[in-house]
Amino acid sequence: MSSQITIDAKLREGRGKNEARRLRAQGLLPVTVYGHGDPVAAAVDAKKLASIFRTQTGHNTIFNLNLDNGETPAVIIKDWDADPVKGKLVHADLYRLKLDEVMRVTVSVHLVGTPYGVKTDGGLLEIQTHELDIECLPGDIPEHISVDVSELRLNQHISVSDLKLGDKIKVLNDSDTVLASVNALRTVEETATPAAGAEAGAAEPEVIKKGKTEEAS
């Protein structure tokens, strides 16, 4: 899964929140480049790096980083922080690759087909696992892992052990990890009397999204 994308990067010496704010005000994103060499602090065009996430391969896209010190490594986005309110990137970690060295990445699971147990028996398809951790060469990283669920009948499931991915990709999750299952619809009986101390129609508690709120340096 290689890419012809190249993004220019400038080395940066300044650190801290104020420097990070200054860079972002200029449309730049602070990044740290590490792996297979000394880590370096740099800055890249924020929009160009954000566009990587919108490609078919997303954050697993391999691209070239054109550093102004003459280094042009192939890299992948290993980690990133985003503003919890605006959703914009505030920092990213880029990992230098060796294309002949196995690495670990996380890829999404895509379900294919409509289960027999849903079409015929009125069952409900439930997805238990949305992503898998895999190990492979950088060039073999898939866009996603497709799982055909069309043969699933009522009360059946597909687990990691059922996957046939060949010898280039090794799944690191437990073999008994369930990816998807078809289950009977459950009837929910509502009690007429609300629980003690609770009022009927009371609002559900707010779900607070987990995320980093401090700005990265």
N, C-alpha and C. Protein backbone atom coordinates (compact mmCIF):
# COMPACT_ATOMS: atom_id res chain seq x y z
N MET A 1 0.84 -1.18 0.00
CA MET A 1 0.00 0.00 0.00
C MET A 1 0.88 1.24 0.00
N SER A 2 1.53 1.49 -1.12
CA SER A 2 2.41 2.64 -1.21
C SER A 2 1.65 3.84 -1.75
N SER A 3 2.27 5.01 -1.67
CA SER A 3 1.62 6.23 -2.10
C SER A 3 2.64 7.12 -2.79
N GLN A 4 2.16 7.93 -3.72
CA GLN A 4 3.02 8.89 -4.41
C GLN A 4 2.93 10.27 -3.79
N ILE A 5 2.28 10.36 -2.64
CA ILE A 5 2.10 11.66 -1.98
C ILE A 5 3.41 12.10 -1.33
N THR A 6 3.75 13.37 -1.51
CA THR A 6 4.92 13.96 -0.85
C THR A 6 4.49 15.23 -0.14
N ILE A 7 4.89 15.37 1.10
CA ILE A 7 4.57 16.56 1.89
C ILE A 7 5.87 17.20 2.37
N ASP A 8 6.00 18.49 2.14
CA ASP A 8 7.18 19.22 2.59
C ASP A 8 7.11 19.46 4.09
N ALA A 9 8.28 19.47 4.74
CA ALA A 9 8.34 19.70 6.18
C ALA A 9 9.56 20.56 6.51
N LYS A 10 9.37 21.48 7.45
CA LYS A 10 10.46 22.34 7.91
C LYS A 10 10.84 21.96 9.33
N LEU A 11 12.13 21.83 9.58
CA LEU A 11 12.58 21.55 10.94
C LEU A 11 12.24 22.74 11.83
N ARG A 12 11.92 22.46 13.07
CA ARG A 12 11.60 23.53 14.03
C ARG A 12 12.42 23.34 15.29
N GLU A 13 12.83 24.46 15.86
CA GLU A 13 13.62 24.43 17.09
C GLU A 13 12.77 24.81 18.30
N GLY A 14 11.79 25.67 18.09
CA GLY A 14 10.95 26.10 19.20
C GLY A 14 10.06 25.00 19.70
N ARG A 15 9.80 25.01 20.99
CA ARG A 15 8.91 24.02 21.61
C ARG A 15 7.90 24.75 22.49
N GLY A 16 6.94 24.01 23.01
CA GLY A 16 6.00 24.58 23.96
C GLY A 16 4.69 25.02 23.31
N LYS A 17 3.73 25.35 24.16
CA LYS A 17 2.39 25.70 23.70
C LYS A 17 2.37 26.96 22.85
N ASN A 18 3.13 27.97 23.24
CA ASN A 18 3.12 29.23 22.49
C ASN A 18 3.64 29.02 21.07
N GLU A 19 4.71 28.25 20.93
CA GLU A 19 5.25 27.98 19.61
C GLU A 19 4.26 27.17 18.78
N ALA A 20 3.58 26.22 19.41
CA ALA A 20 2.58 25.41 18.70
C ALA A 20 1.43 26.28 18.21
N ARG A 21 0.99 27.22 19.04
CA ARG A 21 -0.08 28.13 18.64
C ARG A 21 0.36 29.00 17.47
N ARG A 22 1.60 29.48 17.51
CA ARG A 22 2.12 30.33 16.44
C ARG A 22 2.14 29.58 15.11
N LEU A 23 2.58 28.33 15.15
CA LEU A 23 2.62 27.53 13.94
C LEU A 23 1.21 27.29 13.38
N ARG A 24 0.29 26.94 14.27
CA ARG A 24 -1.07 26.66 13.81
C ARG A 24 -1.74 27.91 13.24
N ALA A 25 -1.40 29.07 13.78
CA ALA A 25 -1.94 30.33 13.25
C ALA A 25 -1.45 30.58 11.82
N GLN A 26 -0.33 29.97 11.46
CA GLN A 26 0.23 30.10 10.11
C GLN A 26 -0.23 28.97 9.19
N GLY A 27 -1.12 28.13 9.70
CA GLY A 27 -1.59 27.02 8.89
C GLY A 27 -0.67 25.82 8.90
N LEU A 28 0.26 25.81 9.87
CA LEU A 28 1.22 24.71 9.98
C LEU A 28 0.85 23.80 11.15
N LEU A 29 1.28 22.55 11.05
CA LEU A 29 1.00 21.58 12.10
C LEU A 29 2.31 21.06 12.68
N PRO A 30 2.51 21.15 14.00
CA PRO A 30 3.72 20.58 14.61
C PRO A 30 3.69 19.05 14.51
N VAL A 31 4.80 18.47 14.08
CA VAL A 31 4.90 17.01 14.01
C VAL A 31 6.23 16.57 14.60
N THR A 32 6.26 15.34 15.05
CA THR A 32 7.50 14.70 15.50
C THR A 32 7.75 13.49 14.61
N VAL A 33 8.95 13.40 14.06
CA VAL A 33 9.32 12.30 13.18
C VAL A 33 10.28 11.40 13.95
N TYR A 34 9.96 10.11 14.06
CA TYR A 34 10.81 9.21 14.84
C TYR A 34 10.87 7.86 14.16
N GLY A 35 11.70 6.98 14.73
CA GLY A 35 11.87 5.64 14.18
C GLY A 35 13.00 5.59 13.18
N HIS A 36 13.89 4.58 13.34
CA HIS A 36 15.01 4.39 12.42
C HIS A 36 15.86 5.65 12.28
N GLY A 37 16.24 6.21 13.39
CA GLY A 37 17.05 7.42 13.40
C GLY A 37 16.65 8.31 14.54
N ASP A 38 17.35 9.42 14.67
CA ASP A 38 17.05 10.35 15.75
C ASP A 38 15.72 11.04 15.49
N PRO A 39 14.92 11.25 16.54
CA PRO A 39 13.66 11.97 16.36
C PRO A 39 13.92 13.44 16.04
N VAL A 40 13.09 14.00 15.19
CA VAL A 40 13.22 15.41 14.83
C VAL A 40 11.86 16.07 14.96
N ALA A 41 11.87 17.36 15.33
CA ALA A 41 10.65 18.15 15.40
C ALA A 41 10.53 18.95 14.11
N ALA A 42 9.36 18.94 13.52
CA ALA A 42 9.17 19.63 12.25
C ALA A 42 7.76 20.22 12.20
N ALA A 43 7.48 20.91 11.11
CA ALA A 43 6.15 21.48 10.89
C ALA A 43 5.76 21.24 9.43
N VAL A 44 4.51 20.88 9.21
CA VAL A 44 4.01 20.61 7.86
C VAL A 44 2.73 21.41 7.62
N ASP A 45 2.34 21.51 6.37
CA ASP A 45 1.08 22.16 6.03
C ASP A 45 -0.06 21.36 6.64
N ALA A 46 -0.85 21.99 7.50
CA ALA A 46 -1.89 21.28 8.25
C ALA A 46 -2.95 20.67 7.32
N LYS A 47 -3.34 21.40 6.27
CA LYS A 47 -4.36 20.91 5.36
C LYS A 47 -3.88 19.69 4.58
N LYS A 48 -2.60 19.71 4.18
CA LYS A 48 -2.06 18.59 3.41
C LYS A 48 -2.00 17.33 4.26
N LEU A 49 -1.60 17.47 5.52
CA LEU A 49 -1.55 16.28 6.35
C LEU A 49 -2.97 15.78 6.66
N ALA A 50 -3.89 16.71 6.89
CA ALA A 50 -5.27 16.32 7.17
C ALA A 50 -5.88 15.58 5.99
N SER A 51 -5.43 15.92 4.76
CA SER A 51 -5.98 15.26 3.56
C SER A 51 -5.60 13.78 3.52
N ILE A 52 -4.52 13.40 4.22
CA ILE A 52 -4.13 11.99 4.27
C ILE A 52 -5.25 11.15 4.87
N PHE A 53 -5.93 11.68 5.87
CA PHE A 53 -6.99 10.93 6.54
C PHE A 53 -8.19 10.70 5.63
N ARG A 54 -8.30 11.49 4.55
CA ARG A 54 -9.45 11.35 3.66
C ARG A 54 -9.17 10.43 2.47
N THR A 55 -7.97 9.86 2.42
CA THR A 55 -7.66 8.90 1.37
C THR A 55 -8.28 7.55 1.71
N GLN A 56 -8.27 6.63 0.76
CA GLN A 56 -8.87 5.31 1.00
C GLN A 56 -8.16 4.57 2.12
N THR A 57 -6.86 4.77 2.25
CA THR A 57 -6.10 4.06 3.27
C THR A 57 -5.98 4.84 4.58
N GLY A 58 -6.49 6.08 4.61
CA GLY A 58 -6.52 6.86 5.84
C GLY A 58 -5.16 7.04 6.49
N HIS A 59 -5.13 6.92 7.82
CA HIS A 59 -3.88 7.16 8.54
C HIS A 59 -2.82 6.10 8.26
N ASN A 60 -3.20 5.02 7.62
CA ASN A 60 -2.22 3.98 7.25
C ASN A 60 -1.56 4.25 5.90
N THR A 61 -1.84 5.39 5.30
CA THR A 61 -1.24 5.74 4.02
C THR A 61 0.26 6.00 4.18
N ILE A 62 1.04 5.40 3.32
CA ILE A 62 2.48 5.65 3.30
C ILE A 62 2.73 6.83 2.37
N PHE A 63 3.46 7.82 2.85
CA PHE A 63 3.78 8.97 2.01
C PHE A 63 5.22 9.42 2.28
N ASN A 64 5.74 10.25 1.40
CA ASN A 64 7.11 10.73 1.52
C ASN A 64 7.13 12.08 2.22
N LEU A 65 8.05 12.24 3.13
CA LEU A 65 8.22 13.49 3.86
C LEU A 65 9.49 14.17 3.36
N ASN A 66 9.34 15.35 2.80
CA ASN A 66 10.48 16.08 2.24
C ASN A 66 10.98 17.10 3.25
N LEU A 67 11.89 16.65 4.14
CA LEU A 67 12.43 17.54 5.17
C LEU A 67 13.46 18.49 4.57
N ASP A 68 13.53 19.71 5.11
CA ASP A 68 14.45 20.69 4.55
C ASP A 68 15.90 20.45 4.96
N ASN A 69 16.18 19.35 5.65
CA ASN A 69 17.57 18.97 5.94
C ASN A 69 18.09 17.95 4.92
N GLY A 70 17.30 17.70 3.88
CA GLY A 70 17.69 16.77 2.84
C GLY A 70 17.18 15.36 3.03
N GLU A 71 16.60 15.07 4.18
CA GLU A 71 16.06 13.74 4.45
C GLU A 71 14.70 13.59 3.78
N THR A 72 14.46 12.47 3.11
CA THR A 72 13.17 12.23 2.44
C THR A 72 12.63 10.84 2.79
N PRO A 73 12.31 10.61 4.04
CA PRO A 73 11.87 9.27 4.44
C PRO A 73 10.44 8.96 4.01
N ALA A 74 10.16 7.68 3.83
CA ALA A 74 8.78 7.22 3.71
C ALA A 74 8.23 7.11 5.13
N VAL A 75 7.06 7.67 5.37
CA VAL A 75 6.52 7.71 6.73
C VAL A 75 5.06 7.30 6.74
N ILE A 76 4.57 7.08 7.94
CA ILE A 76 3.16 6.78 8.17
C ILE A 76 2.74 7.54 9.42
N ILE A 77 1.47 7.94 9.48
CA ILE A 77 0.97 8.64 10.67
C ILE A 77 0.75 7.61 11.77
N LYS A 78 1.54 7.70 12.81
CA LYS A 78 1.47 6.70 13.88
C LYS A 78 0.52 7.11 15.00
N ASP A 79 0.44 8.41 15.27
CA ASP A 79 -0.44 8.89 16.33
C ASP A 79 -0.76 10.35 16.05
N TRP A 80 -1.85 10.84 16.63
CA TRP A 80 -2.22 12.23 16.40
C TRP A 80 -3.14 12.71 17.51
N ASP A 81 -3.16 14.05 17.70
CA ASP A 81 -4.06 14.69 18.65
C ASP A 81 -4.93 15.68 17.89
N ALA A 82 -6.20 15.77 18.27
CA ALA A 82 -7.11 16.70 17.63
C ALA A 82 -7.82 17.54 18.69
N ASP A 83 -8.18 18.75 18.32
CA ASP A 83 -8.93 19.61 19.22
C ASP A 83 -10.27 18.94 19.51
N PRO A 84 -10.62 18.74 20.80
CA PRO A 84 -11.85 18.02 21.13
C PRO A 84 -13.12 18.76 20.72
N VAL A 85 -13.03 20.05 20.50
CA VAL A 85 -14.21 20.83 20.12
C VAL A 85 -14.27 21.04 18.61
N LYS A 86 -13.18 21.55 18.03
CA LYS A 86 -13.18 21.86 16.61
C LYS A 86 -12.85 20.66 15.73
N GLY A 87 -12.21 19.64 16.32
CA GLY A 87 -11.86 18.46 15.56
C GLY A 87 -10.64 18.60 14.69
N LYS A 88 -9.97 19.74 14.72
CA LYS A 88 -8.79 19.95 13.89
C LYS A 88 -7.56 19.33 14.53
N LEU A 89 -6.64 18.87 13.69
CA LEU A 89 -5.39 18.32 14.19
C LEU A 89 -4.58 19.39 14.91
N VAL A 90 -3.96 19.00 16.02
CA VAL A 90 -3.08 19.92 16.73
C VAL A 90 -1.65 19.39 16.80
N HIS A 91 -1.46 18.09 16.55
CA HIS A 91 -0.11 17.50 16.55
C HIS A 91 -0.19 16.10 15.97
N ALA A 92 0.91 15.66 15.37
CA ALA A 92 0.95 14.30 14.83
C ALA A 92 2.35 13.72 15.00
N ASP A 93 2.41 12.41 15.19
CA ASP A 93 3.66 11.66 15.22
C ASP A 93 3.78 10.89 13.92
N LEU A 94 4.89 11.08 13.23
CA LEU A 94 5.14 10.39 11.97
C LEU A 94 6.26 9.38 12.18
N TYR A 95 6.08 8.19 11.63
CA TYR A 95 7.05 7.11 11.84
C TYR A 95 7.79 6.78 10.55
N ARG A 96 9.12 6.86 10.60
CA ARG A 96 9.93 6.48 9.44
C ARG A 96 9.82 4.98 9.20
N LEU A 97 9.70 4.61 7.94
CA LEU A 97 9.51 3.21 7.59
C LEU A 97 10.74 2.61 6.92
N LYS A 98 10.90 1.32 7.15
CA LYS A 98 11.77 0.50 6.33
C LYS A 98 10.84 -0.45 5.60
N LEU A 99 10.78 -0.33 4.28
CA LEU A 99 9.79 -1.07 3.52
C LEU A 99 9.99 -2.58 3.57
N ASP A 100 11.18 -3.02 4.02
CA ASP A 100 11.42 -4.47 4.13
C ASP A 100 11.33 -4.96 5.57
N GLU A 101 10.75 -4.14 6.45
CA GLU A 101 10.64 -4.49 7.87
C GLU A 101 9.18 -4.57 8.28
N VAL A 102 8.81 -5.68 8.92
CA VAL A 102 7.43 -5.88 9.39
C VAL A 102 7.07 -4.83 10.44
N MET A 103 5.84 -4.33 10.38
CA MET A 103 5.38 -3.35 11.36
C MET A 103 3.96 -3.68 11.80
N ARG A 104 3.54 -3.05 12.89
CA ARG A 104 2.20 -3.26 13.42
C ARG A 104 1.34 -2.03 13.16
N VAL A 105 0.13 -2.27 12.67
CA VAL A 105 -0.82 -1.19 12.42
C VAL A 105 -2.22 -1.66 12.80
N THR A 106 -3.14 -0.71 12.87
CA THR A 106 -4.55 -1.01 13.13
C THR A 106 -5.35 -0.71 11.87
N VAL A 107 -6.18 -1.66 11.44
CA VAL A 107 -6.99 -1.47 10.25
C VAL A 107 -8.46 -1.73 10.59
N SER A 108 -9.33 -1.09 9.82
CA SER A 108 -10.76 -1.23 10.07
C SER A 108 -11.31 -2.52 9.47
N VAL A 109 -12.43 -2.97 10.05
CA VAL A 109 -13.13 -4.17 9.56
C VAL A 109 -14.37 -3.72 8.79
N HIS A 110 -14.51 -4.19 7.54
CA HIS A 110 -15.68 -3.88 6.72
C HIS A 110 -16.49 -5.16 6.50
N LEU A 111 -17.76 -5.13 6.87
CA LEU A 111 -18.62 -6.28 6.66
C LEU A 111 -19.23 -6.24 5.26
N VAL A 112 -19.28 -7.40 4.62
CA VAL A 112 -19.78 -7.52 3.26
C VAL A 112 -20.97 -8.47 3.23
N GLY A 113 -22.05 -8.06 2.58
CA GLY A 113 -23.21 -8.93 2.42
C GLY A 113 -24.24 -8.78 3.53
N THR A 114 -25.42 -9.35 3.29
CA THR A 114 -26.50 -9.38 4.27
C THR A 114 -26.65 -10.81 4.78
N PRO A 115 -26.54 -11.02 6.08
CA PRO A 115 -26.60 -12.39 6.62
C PRO A 115 -27.91 -13.11 6.29
N TYR A 116 -27.81 -14.41 6.06
CA TYR A 116 -28.98 -15.25 5.82
C TYR A 116 -29.93 -15.16 7.02
N GLY A 117 -29.37 -15.14 8.22
CA GLY A 117 -30.20 -15.09 9.42
C GLY A 117 -30.95 -13.79 9.60
N VAL A 118 -30.51 -12.74 8.91
CA VAL A 118 -31.22 -11.46 8.94
C VAL A 118 -32.34 -11.47 7.90
N LYS A 119 -32.04 -11.92 6.69
CA LYS A 119 -33.02 -11.92 5.61
C LYS A 119 -34.13 -12.94 5.84
N THR A 120 -33.78 -14.11 6.35
CA THR A 120 -34.74 -15.22 6.43
C THR A 120 -35.36 -15.38 7.82
N ASP A 121 -34.57 -15.20 8.87
CA ASP A 121 -35.05 -15.48 10.23
C ASP A 121 -35.33 -14.22 11.05
N GLY A 122 -35.18 -13.06 10.45
CA GLY A 122 -35.47 -11.83 11.17
C GLY A 122 -34.49 -11.52 12.29
N GLY A 123 -33.27 -12.03 12.16
CA GLY A 123 -32.27 -11.77 13.19
C GLY A 123 -31.66 -10.38 13.07
N LEU A 124 -30.78 -10.08 13.99
CA LEU A 124 -30.13 -8.77 14.04
C LEU A 124 -28.61 -8.97 13.93
N LEU A 125 -28.00 -8.28 12.97
CA LEU A 125 -26.55 -8.34 12.83
C LEU A 125 -25.91 -7.40 13.83
N GLU A 126 -25.05 -7.94 14.67
CA GLU A 126 -24.35 -7.14 15.67
C GLU A 126 -22.85 -7.17 15.38
N ILE A 127 -22.24 -5.99 15.38
CA ILE A 127 -20.81 -5.85 15.12
C ILE A 127 -20.08 -5.71 16.44
N GLN A 128 -19.21 -6.65 16.74
CA GLN A 128 -18.47 -6.60 18.01
C GLN A 128 -17.09 -5.95 17.87
N THR A 129 -16.48 -6.07 16.71
CA THR A 129 -15.12 -5.57 16.53
C THR A 129 -15.04 -4.73 15.27
N HIS A 130 -14.64 -3.47 15.43
CA HIS A 130 -14.57 -2.55 14.30
C HIS A 130 -13.16 -2.43 13.73
N GLU A 131 -12.14 -2.77 14.51
CA GLU A 131 -10.76 -2.66 14.06
C GLU A 131 -9.95 -3.87 14.52
N LEU A 132 -8.91 -4.17 13.77
CA LEU A 132 -8.01 -5.26 14.13
C LEU A 132 -6.57 -4.78 14.10
N ASP A 133 -5.76 -5.32 15.00
CA ASP A 133 -4.33 -5.04 15.00
C ASP A 133 -3.65 -6.12 14.17
N ILE A 134 -2.85 -5.68 13.20
CA ILE A 134 -2.19 -6.64 12.33
C ILE A 134 -0.70 -6.36 12.25
N GLU A 135 0.02 -7.32 11.71
CA GLU A 135 1.46 -7.20 11.52
C GLU A 135 1.78 -7.63 10.09
N CYS A 136 2.50 -6.77 9.36
CA CYS A 136 2.86 -7.08 7.98
C CYS A 136 3.90 -6.09 7.48
N LEU A 137 4.37 -6.29 6.26
CA LEU A 137 5.27 -5.33 5.64
C LEU A 137 4.47 -4.07 5.27
N PRO A 138 5.11 -2.89 5.28
CA PRO A 138 4.39 -1.66 4.95
C PRO A 138 3.63 -1.74 3.63
N GLY A 139 4.25 -2.35 2.63
CA GLY A 139 3.60 -2.43 1.33
C GLY A 139 2.41 -3.36 1.27
N ASP A 140 2.21 -4.17 2.31
CA ASP A 140 1.10 -5.13 2.34
C ASP A 140 -0.05 -4.68 3.25
N ILE A 141 0.05 -3.47 3.79
CA ILE A 141 -1.02 -2.99 4.67
C ILE A 141 -2.30 -2.83 3.84
N PRO A 142 -3.39 -3.50 4.19
CA PRO A 142 -4.64 -3.39 3.42
C PRO A 142 -5.40 -2.11 3.75
N GLU A 143 -6.24 -1.69 2.80
CA GLU A 143 -7.10 -0.54 3.07
C GLU A 143 -8.03 -0.84 4.23
N HIS A 144 -8.52 -2.08 4.26
CA HIS A 144 -9.38 -2.56 5.34
C HIS A 144 -9.41 -4.08 5.24
N ILE A 145 -10.02 -4.72 6.20
CA ILE A 145 -10.20 -6.17 6.16
C ILE A 145 -11.68 -6.46 5.91
N SER A 146 -11.96 -7.08 4.77
CA SER A 146 -13.34 -7.40 4.40
C SER A 146 -13.75 -8.73 5.02
N VAL A 147 -14.94 -8.75 5.60
CA VAL A 147 -15.48 -9.96 6.23
C VAL A 147 -16.85 -10.25 5.64
N ASP A 148 -16.97 -11.38 4.94
CA ASP A 148 -18.24 -11.77 4.32
C ASP A 148 -19.15 -12.41 5.37
N VAL A 149 -20.27 -11.75 5.62
CA VAL A 149 -21.20 -12.24 6.65
C VAL A 149 -22.47 -12.83 6.04
N SER A 150 -22.50 -12.98 4.72
CA SER A 150 -23.74 -13.38 4.03
C SER A 150 -24.22 -14.78 4.42
N GLU A 151 -23.33 -15.67 4.86
CA GLU A 151 -23.72 -17.04 5.20
C GLU A 151 -24.09 -17.21 6.67
N LEU A 152 -23.98 -16.15 7.44
CA LEU A 152 -24.29 -16.27 8.87
C LEU A 152 -25.78 -16.52 9.09
N ARG A 153 -26.06 -17.54 9.89
CA ARG A 153 -27.45 -17.84 10.27
C ARG A 153 -27.68 -17.38 11.71
N LEU A 154 -28.91 -17.54 12.15
CA LEU A 154 -29.28 -17.10 13.49
C LEU A 154 -28.40 -17.79 14.54
N ASN A 155 -27.89 -17.01 15.48
CA ASN A 155 -27.04 -17.48 16.57
C ASN A 155 -25.66 -17.97 16.11
N GLN A 156 -25.23 -17.52 14.95
CA GLN A 156 -23.89 -17.83 14.48
C GLN A 156 -23.03 -16.55 14.50
N HIS A 157 -21.71 -16.75 14.49
CA HIS A 157 -20.82 -15.60 14.51
C HIS A 157 -19.55 -15.90 13.70
N ILE A 158 -18.82 -14.85 13.40
CA ILE A 158 -17.52 -14.96 12.74
C ILE A 158 -16.47 -14.40 13.69
N SER A 159 -15.40 -15.14 13.90
CA SER A 159 -14.32 -14.69 14.78
C SER A 159 -13.02 -14.58 13.99
N VAL A 160 -11.98 -14.10 14.65
CA VAL A 160 -10.68 -13.93 14.01
C VAL A 160 -10.18 -15.24 13.41
N SER A 161 -10.43 -16.34 14.09
CA SER A 161 -9.95 -17.64 13.60
C SER A 161 -10.56 -18.04 12.26
N ASP A 162 -11.67 -17.40 11.86
CA ASP A 162 -12.33 -17.72 10.60
C ASP A 162 -11.75 -16.93 9.42
N LEU A 163 -10.91 -15.95 9.70
CA LEU A 163 -10.37 -15.11 8.63
C LEU A 163 -9.34 -15.86 7.80
N LYS A 164 -9.35 -15.59 6.51
CA LYS A 164 -8.38 -16.17 5.57
C LYS A 164 -7.66 -15.00 4.90
N LEU A 165 -6.54 -14.57 5.47
CA LEU A 165 -5.85 -13.39 4.98
C LEU A 165 -4.52 -13.70 4.30
N GLY A 166 -4.20 -14.97 4.16
CA GLY A 166 -2.94 -15.33 3.53
C GLY A 166 -1.78 -15.24 4.50
N ASP A 167 -0.57 -15.47 3.99
CA ASP A 167 0.60 -15.52 4.87
C ASP A 167 1.32 -14.19 4.99
N LYS A 168 0.80 -13.14 4.34
CA LYS A 168 1.47 -11.83 4.41
C LYS A 168 0.97 -10.98 5.57
N ILE A 169 -0.19 -11.34 6.09
CA ILE A 169 -0.81 -10.55 7.16
C ILE A 169 -1.06 -11.43 8.37
N LYS A 170 -0.58 -10.99 9.53
CA LYS A 170 -0.80 -11.71 10.78
C LYS A 170 -1.68 -10.87 11.70
N VAL A 171 -2.82 -11.43 12.10
CA VAL A 171 -3.72 -10.72 13.02
C VAL A 171 -3.24 -10.96 14.44
N LEU A 172 -3.11 -9.87 15.20
CA LEU A 172 -2.57 -9.95 16.56
C LEU A 172 -3.65 -10.13 17.62
N ASN A 173 -4.90 -9.89 17.27
CA ASN A 173 -5.99 -10.09 18.23
C ASN A 173 -6.15 -11.58 18.53
N ASP A 174 -6.73 -11.90 19.69
CA ASP A 174 -6.98 -13.29 20.05
C ASP A 174 -7.82 -13.97 18.98
N SER A 175 -7.54 -15.24 18.74
CA SER A 175 -8.24 -15.97 17.68
C SER A 175 -9.74 -16.11 17.95
N ASP A 176 -10.15 -16.05 19.21
CA ASP A 176 -11.57 -16.19 19.53
C ASP A 176 -12.30 -14.85 19.60
N THR A 177 -11.63 -13.77 19.20
CA THR A 177 -12.29 -12.46 19.17
C THR A 177 -13.42 -12.48 18.15
N VAL A 178 -14.63 -12.17 18.59
CA VAL A 178 -15.80 -12.18 17.70
C VAL A 178 -15.85 -10.88 16.91
N LEU A 179 -16.01 -10.99 15.60
CA LEU A 179 -16.10 -9.81 14.73
C LEU A 179 -17.55 -9.38 14.55
N ALA A 180 -18.42 -10.35 14.28
CA ALA A 180 -19.84 -10.04 14.07
C ALA A 180 -20.66 -11.29 14.35
N SER A 181 -21.92 -11.08 14.72
CA SER A 181 -22.81 -12.20 15.01
C SER A 181 -24.24 -11.85 14.61
N VAL A 182 -25.05 -12.89 14.40
CA VAL A 182 -26.48 -12.70 14.11
C VAL A 182 -27.25 -13.26 15.29
N ASN A 183 -28.01 -12.41 15.92
CA ASN A 183 -28.74 -12.80 17.13
C ASN A 183 -30.23 -12.53 16.98
N ALA A 184 -31.01 -13.22 17.79
CA ALA A 184 -32.45 -13.00 17.78
C ALA A 184 -32.77 -11.63 18.35
N LEU A 185 -33.81 -11.00 17.82
CA LEU A 185 -34.23 -9.71 18.35
C LEU A 185 -34.72 -9.88 19.78
N ARG A 186 -34.28 -8.98 20.64
CA ARG A 186 -34.68 -9.06 22.05
C ARG A 186 -35.84 -8.10 22.31
N THR A 187 -36.82 -8.59 23.04
CA THR A 187 -37.97 -7.76 23.39
C THR A 187 -37.65 -7.01 24.67
N VAL A 188 -37.77 -5.70 24.62
CA VAL A 188 -37.47 -4.87 25.78
C VAL A 188 -38.78 -4.54 26.49
N GLU A 189 -38.91 -4.99 27.73
CA GLU A 189 -40.11 -4.70 28.51
C GLU A 189 -39.86 -3.50 29.40
N GLU A 190 -40.66 -2.48 29.23
CA GLU A 190 -40.51 -1.27 30.03
C GLU A 190 -41.35 -1.39 31.29
N THR A 191 -40.77 -1.10 32.41
CA THR A 191 -41.51 -1.15 33.68
C THR A 191 -42.36 0.10 33.81
N ALA A 192 -43.51 -0.07 34.44
CA ALA A 192 -44.43 1.05 34.57
C ALA A 192 -43.95 2.04 35.62
N THR A 193 -43.24 1.55 36.63
CA THR A 193 -42.79 2.41 37.72
C THR A 193 -41.32 2.73 37.55
N PRO A 194 -40.95 4.01 37.49
CA PRO A 194 -39.53 4.35 37.35
C PRO A 194 -38.76 3.98 38.59
N ALA A 195 -37.45 3.82 38.45
CA ALA A 195 -36.60 3.46 39.59
C ALA A 195 -36.67 4.53 40.65
N ALA A 196 -36.42 4.10 41.90
CA ALA A 196 -36.49 5.03 43.02
C ALA A 196 -35.54 6.18 42.80
N GLY A 197 -36.05 7.41 43.02
CA GLY A 197 -35.21 8.59 42.91
C GLY A 197 -35.10 9.10 41.49
N ALA A 198 -35.72 8.40 40.53
CA ALA A 198 -35.65 8.83 39.13
C ALA A 198 -37.01 9.27 38.68
N GLU A 199 -37.06 10.26 37.84
CA GLU A 199 -38.31 10.77 37.32
C GLU A 199 -38.50 10.25 35.91
N ALA A 200 -39.75 9.95 35.58
CA ALA A 200 -40.05 9.47 34.24
C ALA A 200 -39.68 10.56 33.24
N GLY A 201 -39.05 10.15 32.17
CA GLY A 201 -38.69 11.11 31.14
C GLY A 201 -37.43 11.89 31.45
N ALA A 202 -36.71 11.52 32.51
CA ALA A 202 -35.48 12.24 32.84
C ALA A 202 -34.46 12.05 31.74
N ALA A 203 -33.67 13.09 31.53
CA ALA A 203 -32.67 13.04 30.45
C ALA A 203 -31.59 12.04 30.79
N GLU A 204 -31.07 11.38 29.75
CA GLU A 204 -29.97 10.44 29.95
C GLU A 204 -28.71 11.21 30.27
N PRO A 205 -27.79 10.61 31.04
CA PRO A 205 -26.55 11.30 31.37
C PRO A 205 -25.73 11.56 30.11
N GLU A 206 -25.07 12.68 30.09
CA GLU A 206 -24.26 13.06 28.94
C GLU A 206 -23.05 12.15 28.85
N VAL A 207 -22.72 11.74 27.64
CA VAL A 207 -21.54 10.92 27.41
C VAL A 207 -20.40 11.85 27.03
N ILE A 208 -19.37 11.83 27.83
CA ILE A 208 -18.23 12.70 27.57
C ILE A 208 -17.23 11.95 26.74
N LYS A 209 -16.87 12.49 25.60
CA LYS A 209 -15.92 11.84 24.72
C LYS A 209 -14.52 11.93 25.30
N LYS A 210 -13.83 10.80 25.21
CA LYS A 210 -12.46 10.76 25.68
C LYS A 210 -11.55 11.39 24.66
N GLY A 211 -10.63 12.20 25.13
CA GLY A 211 -9.69 12.83 24.20
C GLY A 211 -8.75 13.74 24.93
N LYS A 212 -7.66 14.09 24.30
CA LYS A 212 -6.69 14.98 24.91
C LYS A 212 -7.15 16.42 24.73
N THR A 213 -7.02 17.20 25.78
CA THR A 213 -7.44 18.60 25.70
C THR A 213 -6.27 19.55 25.73
N GLU A 214 -5.13 19.09 26.19
CA GLU A 214 -3.98 19.96 26.25
C GLU A 214 -3.33 20.03 24.90
N GLU A 215 -2.79 21.19 24.55
CA GLU A 215 -2.15 21.35 23.28
C GLU A 215 -0.82 20.66 23.26
N ALA A 216 -0.51 20.01 22.15
CA ALA A 216 0.78 19.34 22.03
C ALA A 216 1.85 20.34 21.71
N SER A 217 3.04 20.03 22.12
CA SER A 217 4.16 20.92 21.85
C SER A 217 4.84 20.51 20.57
